[in-house]
C-alpha atoms as a PDB file:
ATOM      1  CA  MET A   1     135.071 189.698 176.338  1.00  0.00           C
ATOM      2  CA  LEU A   2     131.585 188.449 177.193  1.00  0.00           C
ATOM      3  CA  ILE A   3     130.861 185.102 175.599  1.00  0.00           C
ATOM      4  CA  LEU A   4     127.507 183.750 176.703  1.00  0.00           C
ATOM      5  CA  ALA A   5     125.287 183.832 179.727  1.00  0.00           C
ATOM      6  CA  ALA A   6     123.045 181.284 181.368  1.00  0.00           C
ATOM      7  CA  CYS A   7     120.096 182.013 183.583  1.00  0.00           C
ATOM      8  CA  ALA A   8     118.829 180.030 186.526  1.00  0.00           C
ATOM      9  CA  PRO A   9     115.080 180.620 186.193  1.00  0.00           C
ATOM     10  CA  GLY A  10     114.248 179.115 189.569  1.00  0.00           C
ATOM     11  CA  PRO A  11     113.745 175.753 191.175  1.00  0.00           C
ATOM     12  CA  THR A  12     112.484 172.737 189.310  1.00  0.00           C
ATOM     13  CA  GLU A  13     109.481 170.960 190.780  1.00  0.00           C
ATOM     14  CA  GLY A  14     110.356 169.347 194.095  1.00  0.00           C
ATOM     15  CA  ALA A  15     113.720 171.103 194.444  1.00  0.00           C
ATOM     16  CA  ALA A  16     114.628 174.471 195.886  1.00  0.00           C
ATOM     17  CA  ALA A  17     117.349 176.274 193.956  1.00  0.00           C
ATOM     18  CA  PRO A  18     119.864 177.878 196.309  1.00  0.00           C
ATOM     19  CA  TRP A  19     120.514 180.729 193.903  1.00  0.00           C
ATOM     20  CA  GLU A  20     118.783 182.571 191.082  1.00  0.00           C
ATOM     21  CA  GLY A  21     120.455 184.916 188.634  1.00  0.00           C
ATOM     22  CA  VAL A  22     122.697 185.021 185.601  1.00  0.00           C
ATOM     23  CA  VAL A  23     126.140 183.479 185.058  1.00  0.00           C
ATOM     24  CA  VAL A  24     128.399 185.098 182.462  1.00  0.00           C
ATOM     25  CA  ALA A  25     131.641 183.705 180.976  1.00  0.00           C
ATOM     26  CA  LEU A  26     134.466 186.256 180.935  1.00  0.00           C
ATOM     27  CA  GLN A  27     136.743 184.728 178.317  1.00  0.00           C
ATOM     28  CA  ASP A  28     139.685 187.112 178.591  1.00  0.00           C
ATOM     29  CA  ASP A  29     139.638 187.040 182.399  1.00  0.00           C
ATOM     30  CA  ALA A  30     139.399 183.244 182.819  1.00  0.00           C
ATOM     31  CA  ALA A  31     136.406 183.773 185.076  1.00  0.00           C
ATOM     32  CA  LEU A  32     132.683 183.557 185.558  1.00  0.00           C
ATOM     33  CA  ALA A  33     130.658 186.528 186.780  1.00  0.00           C
ATOM     34  CA  PHE A  34     127.491 186.128 188.846  1.00  0.00           C
ATOM     35  CA  LEU A  35     124.708 188.670 188.416  1.00  0.00           C
ATOM     36  CA  ASP A  36     121.451 189.093 190.294  1.00  0.00           C
ATOM     37  CA  PRO A  37     118.226 189.047 188.235  1.00  0.00           C
ATOM     38  CA  GLU A  38     118.429 192.854 187.843  1.00  0.00           C
ATOM     39  CA  GLY A  39     121.996 192.719 186.479  1.00  0.00           C
ATOM     40  CA  GLY A  40     123.886 193.700 189.635  1.00  0.00           C
ATOM     41  CA  LEU A  41     127.308 192.057 190.015  1.00  0.00           C
ATOM     42  CA  LEU A  42     127.357 189.606 192.925  1.00  0.00           C
ATOM     43  CA  GLY A  43     130.903 188.363 192.417  1.00  0.00           C
ATOM     44  CA  THR A  44     133.248 186.389 190.203  1.00  0.00           C
ATOM     45  CA  VAL A  45     135.214 183.144 190.359  1.00  0.00           C
ATOM     46  CA  ASP A  46     138.728 182.883 188.916  1.00  0.00           C
ATOM     47  CA  LEU A  47     139.003 179.736 186.797  1.00  0.00           C
ATOM     48  CA  SER A  48     142.668 180.093 185.867  1.00  0.00           C
ATOM     49  CA  GLU A  49     144.996 177.311 186.898  1.00  0.00           C
ATOM     50  CA  GLU A  50     148.679 177.043 187.728  1.00  0.00           C
ATOM     51  CA  ILE A  51     150.470 174.555 185.485  1.00  0.00           C
ATOM     52  CA  ASP A  52     154.246 174.089 185.620  1.00  0.00           C
ATOM     53  CA  GLY A  53     154.581 177.275 187.664  1.00  0.00           C
ATOM     54  CA  GLU A  54     152.684 179.379 185.111  1.00  0.00           C
ATOM     55  CA  ARG A  55     149.194 180.863 185.461  1.00  0.00           C
ATOM     56  CA  LEU A  56     147.046 179.417 182.699  1.00  0.00           C
ATOM     57  CA  PRO A  57     144.200 181.842 181.945  1.00  0.00           C
ATOM     58  CA  TRP A  58     141.720 179.382 180.436  1.00  0.00           C
ATOM     59  CA  MET A  59     139.502 180.760 177.663  1.00  0.00           C
ATOM     60  CA  VAL A  60     136.152 180.208 179.378  1.00  0.00           C
ATOM     61  CA  HIS A  61     133.247 179.849 176.990  1.00  0.00           C
ATOM     62  CA  ASN A  62     129.626 178.819 177.045  1.00  0.00           C
ATOM     63  CA  VAL A  63     127.831 178.499 180.386  1.00  0.00           C
ATOM     64  CA  GLN A  64     124.889 176.237 181.148  1.00  0.00           C
ATOM     65  CA  VAL A  65     123.032 176.027 184.459  1.00  0.00           C
ATOM     66  CA  THR A  66     121.915 172.525 185.478  1.00  0.00           C
ATOM     67  CA  PRO A  67     118.143 171.957 185.657  1.00  0.00           C
ATOM     68  CA  ASP A  68     118.196 171.909 189.475  1.00  0.00           C
ATOM     69  CA  GLY A  69     119.753 175.398 189.518  1.00  0.00           C
ATOM     70  CA  ARG A  70     122.611 174.309 191.790  1.00  0.00           C
ATOM     71  CA  THR A  71     125.599 174.180 189.453  1.00  0.00           C
ATOM     72  CA  ALA A  72     126.839 175.796 186.271  1.00  0.00           C
ATOM     73  CA  LEU A  73     128.924 174.133 183.582  1.00  0.00           C
ATOM     74  CA  ALA A  74     131.375 176.067 181.430  1.00  0.00           C
ATOM     75  CA  THR A  75     133.760 174.989 178.700  1.00  0.00           C
ATOM     76  CA  ALA A  76     137.382 176.106 178.735  1.00  0.00           C
ATOM     77  CA  MET A  77     140.152 175.960 176.144  1.00  0.00           C
ATOM     78  CA  VAL A  78     143.886 176.526 176.393  1.00  0.00           C
ATOM     79  CA  PRO A  79     144.477 180.226 175.694  1.00  0.00           C
ATOM     80  CA  MET A  80     145.762 181.377 172.332  1.00  0.00           C
ATOM     81  CA  LYS A  81     148.127 183.813 174.041  1.00  0.00           C
ATOM     82  CA  GLY A  82     150.260 183.479 177.137  1.00  0.00           C
ATOM     83  CA  PRO A  83     152.118 180.386 178.306  1.00  0.00           C
ATOM     84  CA  VAL A  84     152.268 177.460 175.914  1.00  0.00           C
ATOM     85  CA  VAL A  85     151.029 174.334 177.634  1.00  0.00           C
ATOM     86  CA  ASN A  86     150.016 170.892 176.550  1.00  0.00           C
ATOM     87  CA  ALA A  87     146.663 170.514 178.293  1.00  0.00           C
ATOM     88  CA  PRO A  88     143.285 169.181 177.221  1.00  0.00           C
ATOM     89  CA  ASP A  89     140.225 171.384 176.973  1.00  0.00           C
ATOM     90  CA  GLU A  90     138.124 171.265 180.124  1.00  0.00           C
ATOM     91  CA  LEU A  91     134.575 171.226 181.384  1.00  0.00           C
ATOM     92  CA  LEU A  92     134.349 173.311 184.561  1.00  0.00           C
ATOM     93  CA  ILE A  93     131.692 172.589 187.188  1.00  0.00           C
ATOM     94  CA  VAL A  94     130.865 175.529 189.469  1.00  0.00           C
ATOM     95  CA  ASP A  95     128.717 175.591 192.619  1.00  0.00           C
ATOM     96  CA  LEU A  96     126.239 178.450 192.305  1.00  0.00           C
ATOM     97  CA  GLU A  97     125.535 178.817 196.019  1.00  0.00           C
ATOM     98  CA  THR A  98     129.186 179.220 197.048  1.00  0.00           C
ATOM     99  CA  ARG A  99     130.319 180.591 193.657  1.00  0.00           C
ATOM    100  CA  SER A 100     133.303 178.246 193.682  1.00  0.00           C
ATOM    101  CA  LEU A 101     134.890 175.717 191.334  1.00  0.00           C
ATOM    102  CA  LEU A 102     133.881 172.150 192.210  1.00  0.00           C
ATOM    103  CA  ARG A 103     135.629 170.116 189.502  1.00  0.00           C
ATOM    104  CA  ARG A 104     137.642 170.233 186.310  1.00  0.00           C
ATOM    105  CA  CYS A 105     136.792 167.483 183.815  1.00  0.00           C
ATOM    106  CA  ALA A 106     139.470 166.837 181.190  1.00  0.00           C
ATOM    107  CA  LEU A 107     138.154 166.696 177.639  1.00  0.00           C
ATOM    108  CA  ASP A 108     140.130 166.041 174.448  1.00  0.00           C
ATOM    109  CA  TYR A 109     143.309 167.879 173.444  1.00  0.00           C
ATOM    110  CA  ALA A 110     142.666 170.688 170.934  1.00  0.00           C
ATOM    111  CA  ALA A 111     138.963 169.855 170.815  1.00  0.00           C
ATOM    112  CA  GLY A 112     137.810 173.450 170.511  1.00  0.00           C
ATOM    113  CA  ALA A 113     135.286 172.902 173.299  1.00  0.00           C
ATOM    114  CA  ALA A 114     132.594 175.490 172.825  1.00  0.00           C
ATOM    115  CA  HIS A 115     128.908 175.041 173.587  1.00  0.00           C
ATOM    116  CA  VAL A 116     127.578 172.855 176.386  1.00  0.00           C
ATOM    117  CA  VAL A 117     124.079 171.638 177.213  1.00  0.00           C
ATOM    118  CA  THR A 118     123.124 169.398 180.116  1.00  0.00           C
ATOM    119  CA  ASP A 119     120.327 167.498 181.765  1.00  0.00           C
ATOM    120  CA  GLY A 120     122.221 167.501 185.073  1.00  0.00           C
ATOM    121  CA  GLU A 121     123.663 164.002 184.640  1.00  0.00           C
ATOM    122  CA  THR A 122     125.229 164.247 181.190  1.00  0.00           C
ATOM    123  CA  ALA A 123     126.788 167.131 179.294  1.00  0.00           C
ATOM    124  CA  TRP A 124     126.988 167.370 175.519  1.00  0.00           C
ATOM    125  CA  ILE A 125     129.803 169.616 174.313  1.00  0.00           C
ATOM    126  CA  THR A 126     130.466 170.863 170.809  1.00  0.00           C
ATOM    127  CA  ALA A 127     134.076 170.120 169.875  1.00  0.00           C
ATOM    128  CA  TYR A 128     134.208 172.352 166.823  1.00  0.00           C
ATOM    129  CA  ASP A 129     137.874 171.654 165.975  1.00  0.00           C
ATOM    130  CA  GLN A 130     137.037 167.945 165.780  1.00  0.00           C
ATOM    131  CA  ASP A 131     133.596 168.242 164.143  1.00  0.00           C
ATOM    132  CA  ARG A 132     132.015 166.157 166.851  1.00  0.00           C
ATOM    133  CA  VAL A 133     130.120 166.184 170.119  1.00  0.00           C
ATOM    134  CA  LEU A 134     131.781 165.062 173.347  1.00  0.00           C
ATOM    135  CA  VAL A 135     129.425 163.298 175.759  1.00  0.00           C
ATOM    136  CA  VAL A 136     130.492 163.756 179.397  1.00  0.00           C
ATOM    137  CA  ASP A 137     129.274 161.696 182.338  1.00  0.00           C
ATOM    138  CA  LEU A 138     129.112 164.354 185.061  1.00  0.00           C
ATOM    139  CA  ALA A 139     129.241 161.884 187.975  1.00  0.00           C
ATOM    140  CA  GLU A 140     132.467 160.367 186.611  1.00  0.00           C
ATOM    141  CA  CYS A 141     133.762 163.671 185.219  1.00  0.00           C
ATOM    142  CA  GLU A 142     134.939 161.994 182.016  1.00  0.00           C
ATOM    143  CA  VAL A 143     134.160 161.762 178.319  1.00  0.00           C
ATOM    144  CA  SER A 144     131.941 158.709 177.878  1.00  0.00           C
ATOM    145  CA  ALA A 145     131.364 158.977 174.110  1.00  0.00           C
ATOM    146  CA  ARG A 146     132.354 160.949 171.032  1.00  0.00           C
ATOM    147  CA  TRP A 147     129.747 161.540 168.323  1.00  0.00           C
ATOM    148  CA  PRO A 148     130.368 160.706 165.464  1.00  0.00           C
END
């Protein structure tokens, strides 16, 4: 299932983006797909995780490319089917040049993390199951505030 795509329109002033294209969340595959500007598939990155000996196929959602065009952020929730685990939702940080996972930032448990927007230093994530916004400090990889 395709959820949402983000485009890297090119470098911001004073910075050269290492990659231009489209990033697509593949919810049912626990992955991101990377497309060139014409829609050709360049590759994917598996964002599943092994927890307690079980493969956890995270439900990867919304994708947002940082303003410098170097990384993509995606939200991920515990899957509704498959192994039952007690794990918080996550914010995934992916390097666009290497197409690899850089970090997993733990969010709240059962937050319903969905949409993410960023300025490159902070991410604001809709936690629809909690009726709030989670504010994430990207340098610290942690929730710094919860609105309201």
